[in-house]
Structures are given as structure tokens and as C-alpha cells.
């Protein structure tokens, strides 16, 4: 029997003059997704590190930031933040209103 409660990220989207909707996303699903994306980013880093920089300045800029910064490290940090935030129940993470659309993400 489970004694531990499952934490959910509640995602609610509301558009003015329309009915809103909400859906729960288990935190453990987000954790697994972030681990998978971290692994994919690591593979992408390894592949891109062997690609020579192009001569075109615009393309060089787009590729050089990947070689300077670690995308898999960024994904790992995001995963750790989600794990840390999942300890708090009733926390509003995002509450954004842009024009007619309102998005709210909280931990339940």
C-alpha cells in the first residue's frame, strides 16, 4: 500500500470568452521527461562537438553557444529545480496573463 501522496503539476489554461481547461501532470512524469531530455541533449552535444564551425558568421554564432555552454547541464539544473519545488504543496509556479490567455501552473 502506498503511504506517499503523489504531487501533481496542475496546468490551467483560460481564454477569455471561452471555457478554460486544466489537466494534472504527475511530478514523477516531469522528472522522467527531464532525465530523458538530458540524455538526448548530452548525445546532441557529443555529435555537435565534432561538427566544424561554419564560415558564415550567423551560423557560427548559433553553433558556438552550444559548444561554449552545456545544454545537458541546463536540463539537469531544470530537473533539479523541479525536484526541489515538488516538495512544496500549494505553490503557484507560473501565473501569466497575456492578452486573452491566462496560464497558471501550481503544485497540488
Protein backbone atom coordinates (compact mmCIF):
# COMPACT_ATOMS: atom_id res chain seq x y z
CA UNK A 1 0.00 0.00 0.00
CA UNK A 2 1.25 3.47 -0.83
CA UNK A 3 1.67 5.86 2.05
CA UNK A 4 3.15 8.64 0.00
CA UNK A 5 0.93 11.13 -1.78
CA UNK A 6 1.66 11.92 -5.40
CA UNK A 7 2.36 15.54 -6.25
CA UNK A 8 0.81 16.99 -9.39
CA UNK A 9 1.61 20.00 -11.50
CA UNK A 10 -1.83 21.45 -12.21
CA UNK A 11 -1.80 23.25 -15.53
CA UNK A 12 -4.78 25.54 -16.13
CA UNK A 13 -5.38 27.47 -19.33
CA UNK A 14 -8.20 30.02 -19.65
CA UNK A 15 -9.06 32.04 -22.74
CA UNK A 16 -11.41 34.99 -22.32
CA UNK A 17 -14.93 34.30 -23.62
CA UNK A 18 -14.15 30.56 -23.78
CA UNK A 19 -14.27 27.80 -21.27
CA UNK A 20 -10.90 27.06 -19.66
CA UNK A 21 -9.39 23.66 -19.09
CA UNK A 22 -6.99 22.16 -16.62
CA UNK A 23 -5.02 18.96 -16.51
CA UNK A 24 -2.81 17.35 -13.88
CA UNK A 25 0.72 16.23 -14.69
CA UNK A 26 2.39 13.98 -12.07
CA UNK A 27 5.73 15.38 -10.91
CA UNK A 28 7.42 12.00 -11.40
CA UNK A 29 6.43 12.11 -15.09
CA UNK A 30 8.11 15.51 -15.40
CA UNK A 31 11.19 14.07 -13.69
CA UNK A 32 11.38 11.16 -16.12
CA UNK A 33 10.87 13.53 -19.07
CA UNK A 34 13.66 15.81 -17.88
CA UNK A 35 16.04 12.83 -17.44
CA UNK A 36 15.28 11.66 -20.98
CA UNK A 37 15.77 15.16 -22.40
CA UNK A 38 19.05 15.49 -20.50
CA UNK A 39 20.32 12.29 -22.11
CA UNK A 40 19.23 13.48 -25.56
CA UNK A 41 20.93 16.85 -25.01
CA UNK A 42 24.13 15.05 -23.98
CA UNK A 43 24.08 12.97 -27.18
CA UNK A 44 23.44 16.14 -29.20
CA UNK A 45 26.42 17.84 -27.53
CA UNK A 46 28.70 14.95 -28.46
CA UNK A 47 27.54 14.99 -32.08
CA UNK A 48 27.77 18.77 -32.44
CA UNK A 49 31.23 18.90 -30.81
CA UNK A 50 32.60 17.00 -33.81
CA UNK A 51 30.99 19.32 -36.36
CA UNK A 52 33.40 22.04 -37.55
CA UNK A 53 32.26 25.63 -37.18
CA UNK A 54 30.93 27.06 -40.47
CA UNK A 55 32.43 30.10 -42.14
CA UNK A 56 29.13 32.00 -42.17
CA UNK A 57 29.12 34.36 -39.15
CA UNK A 58 25.41 33.92 -38.33
CA UNK A 59 25.61 30.13 -38.44
CA UNK A 60 28.85 30.25 -36.43
CA UNK A 61 27.13 32.20 -33.64
CA UNK A 62 24.23 29.75 -33.50
CA UNK A 63 26.56 26.77 -33.21
CA UNK A 64 29.24 28.28 -30.98
CA UNK A 65 26.94 28.80 -27.96
CA UNK A 66 26.26 25.06 -27.88
CA UNK A 67 29.97 24.36 -27.76
CA UNK A 68 30.51 27.01 -25.05
CA UNK A 69 27.53 26.12 -22.85
CA UNK A 70 26.30 22.67 -21.89
CA UNK A 71 22.63 22.07 -22.84
CA UNK A 72 22.60 18.82 -20.89
CA UNK A 73 23.83 20.74 -17.84
CA UNK A 74 20.98 23.21 -18.24
CA UNK A 75 18.47 20.36 -18.50
CA UNK A 76 19.98 18.77 -15.38
CA UNK A 77 19.63 22.03 -13.43
CA UNK A 78 16.00 22.34 -14.56
CA UNK A 79 15.36 18.77 -13.41
CA UNK A 80 16.85 19.54 -10.00
CA UNK A 81 14.69 22.67 -9.67
CA UNK A 82 11.54 20.65 -10.44
CA UNK A 83 12.56 18.04 -7.85
CA UNK A 84 13.16 20.73 -5.23
CA UNK A 85 9.90 22.56 -5.97
CA UNK A 86 7.90 19.33 -5.80
CA UNK A 87 8.39 19.26 -2.02
CA UNK A 88 6.06 22.22 -1.59
CA UNK A 89 2.32 21.67 -1.82
CA UNK A 90 0.07 24.53 -2.91
CA UNK A 91 2.86 26.51 -4.55
CA UNK A 92 1.98 28.63 -7.59
CA UNK A 93 4.88 28.32 -10.02
CA UNK A 94 3.55 30.24 -13.03
CA UNK A 95 0.66 32.69 -13.29
CA UNK A 96 0.85 34.51 -16.61
CA UNK A 97 -1.79 36.56 -18.40
CA UNK A 98 -1.08 37.65 -21.97
CA UNK A 99 -3.96 39.32 -23.73
CA UNK A 100 -6.93 36.97 -23.60
CA UNK A 101 -4.96 33.92 -22.46
CA UNK A 102 -4.17 33.08 -18.84
CA UNK A 103 -1.92 30.18 -17.85
CA UNK A 104 -1.46 29.04 -14.27
CA UNK A 105 0.78 26.18 -13.10
CA UNK A 106 0.75 25.13 -9.46
CA UNK A 107 1.76 22.14 -7.35
CA UNK A 108 -1.08 20.23 -5.68
